[in-house]
Amino acid sequence: MGQLFPYQFAPLKPLGFDGNAITTSDAVTLSVPAGAQGALIQASGGNINWTDNGVDPTSAAGGGMVLTADAEPSWFPVGLLETLSFIAVGSSTFLLVSYYG
């Protein structure tokens, strides 16, 4: 009979943190460190719109999916990290990212 879990699981290690102020005028992308398997991403101070389809989000309502300000961080897998683009919806907004691998 086979094993219940045929794979070994290893805990992820922190690979770095990045916190940057973002604006309503320029979309930003992530600088993903080598070996990253995913990241926890959080908006602080204001909402952030994001897209993952290669088209930059806008700061207008409906300009992308929303990271709600000061909500619990959201997990994004490595395959998605390279395609994400972010823009602030209001002023005094920070994009906080913790990478894991």
Protein backbone atom coordinates (compact mmCIF):
# COMPACT_ATOMS: atom_id res chain seq x y z
CA MET A 1 0.00 0.00 0.00
CA GLY A 2 1.26 3.55 -0.82
CA GLN A 3 2.09 6.30 1.58
CA LEU A 4 -0.64 8.69 2.60
CA PHE A 5 1.65 11.61 1.70
CA PRO A 6 4.15 10.44 -0.94
CA TYR A 7 6.02 13.77 -0.87
CA GLN A 8 8.20 15.32 1.77
CA PHE A 9 7.18 18.74 2.99
CA ALA A 10 9.72 21.29 4.12
CA PRO A 11 8.91 24.60 5.76
CA LEU A 12 9.50 27.70 3.69
CA LYS A 13 12.34 30.00 4.69
CA PRO A 14 12.13 33.80 4.67
CA LEU A 15 14.03 35.23 1.70
CA GLY A 16 13.52 38.92 2.27
CA PHE A 17 11.16 41.79 2.89
CA ASP A 18 10.38 44.76 0.70
CA GLY A 19 8.33 47.78 1.74
CA ASN A 20 7.83 50.65 -0.68
CA ALA A 21 5.64 53.72 -0.94
CA ILE A 22 3.63 53.58 -4.15
CA THR A 23 1.71 56.31 -5.94
CA THR A 24 -1.46 56.72 -7.97
CA SER A 25 0.50 57.66 -11.10
CA ASP A 26 2.95 54.81 -11.77
CA ALA A 27 2.32 51.05 -11.60
CA VAL A 28 5.11 49.01 -9.99
CA THR A 29 6.22 45.39 -10.28
CA LEU A 30 8.08 43.14 -7.86
CA SER A 31 11.78 42.25 -7.77
CA VAL A 32 11.40 38.57 -6.90
CA PRO A 33 14.49 37.01 -5.28
CA ALA A 34 15.93 33.79 -6.71
CA GLY A 35 14.43 30.70 -5.10
CA ALA A 36 11.18 32.37 -4.05
CA GLN A 37 8.18 30.05 -3.99
CA GLY A 38 5.70 32.73 -3.02
CA ALA A 39 5.10 35.91 -1.07
CA LEU A 40 2.80 37.44 1.50
CA ILE A 41 1.62 40.81 0.18
CA GLN A 42 -0.18 43.55 2.11
CA ALA A 43 -1.40 47.08 1.47
CA SER A 44 -0.72 49.56 4.27
CA GLY A 45 -2.25 53.02 4.63
CA GLY A 46 -4.48 52.79 1.55
CA ASN A 47 -5.98 50.35 -0.94
CA ILE A 48 -3.90 49.03 -3.83
CA ASN A 49 -5.20 47.85 -7.22
CA TRP A 50 -3.35 44.96 -8.88
CA THR A 51 -3.43 43.01 -12.13
CA ASP A 52 -1.69 39.83 -13.28
CA ASN A 53 -2.34 39.88 -17.03
CA GLY A 54 0.47 42.15 -18.26
CA VAL A 55 -1.78 45.23 -18.35
CA ASP A 56 -1.01 47.87 -15.73
CA PRO A 57 -3.77 48.59 -13.22
CA THR A 58 -5.19 52.09 -12.78
CA SER A 59 -5.94 53.93 -9.56
CA ALA A 60 -9.63 54.31 -10.57
CA ALA A 61 -12.40 52.15 -9.14
CA GLY A 62 -12.43 48.92 -11.14
CA GLY A 63 -8.81 49.47 -12.22
CA GLY A 64 -7.77 46.05 -10.95
CA MET A 65 -8.29 43.61 -8.13
CA VAL A 66 -8.08 45.28 -4.71
CA LEU A 67 -5.70 44.70 -1.82
CA THR A 68 -7.62 46.28 1.04
CA ALA A 69 -5.60 48.57 3.28
CA ASP A 70 -4.33 47.04 6.51
CA ALA A 71 -6.11 43.70 5.91
CA GLU A 72 -4.38 40.38 6.54
CA PRO A 73 -1.59 39.68 4.01
CA SER A 74 -2.51 37.64 0.93
CA TRP A 75 -0.41 34.70 -0.34
CA PHE A 76 0.70 34.80 -3.97
CA PRO A 77 2.54 31.80 -5.53
CA VAL A 78 5.82 32.19 -7.41
CA GLY A 79 4.34 31.75 -10.91
CA LEU A 80 2.11 34.74 -10.35
CA LEU A 81 4.68 37.03 -8.70
CA GLU A 82 6.45 37.89 -11.96
CA THR A 83 3.20 39.02 -13.61
CA LEU A 84 1.82 41.23 -10.83
CA SER A 85 1.57 44.98 -11.23
CA PHE A 86 0.41 47.36 -8.45
CA ILE A 87 -0.82 50.95 -8.15
CA ALA A 88 -2.08 52.98 -5.19
CA VAL A 89 -5.72 54.00 -5.05
CA GLY A 90 -5.00 56.92 -2.68
CA SER A 91 -2.10 58.71 -1.05
CA SER A 92 0.22 57.49 1.73
CA THR A 93 0.09 53.90 0.51
CA PHE A 94 2.75 51.26 1.06
CA LEU A 95 3.19 47.87 -0.61
CA LEU A 96 4.63 45.35 1.87
CA VAL A 97 6.04 42.04 0.59
CA SER A 98 7.66 39.12 2.45
CA TYR A 99 9.23 36.49 0.17
CA TYR A 100 9.55 32.80 1.06
CA GLY A 101 11.35 29.90 -0.57
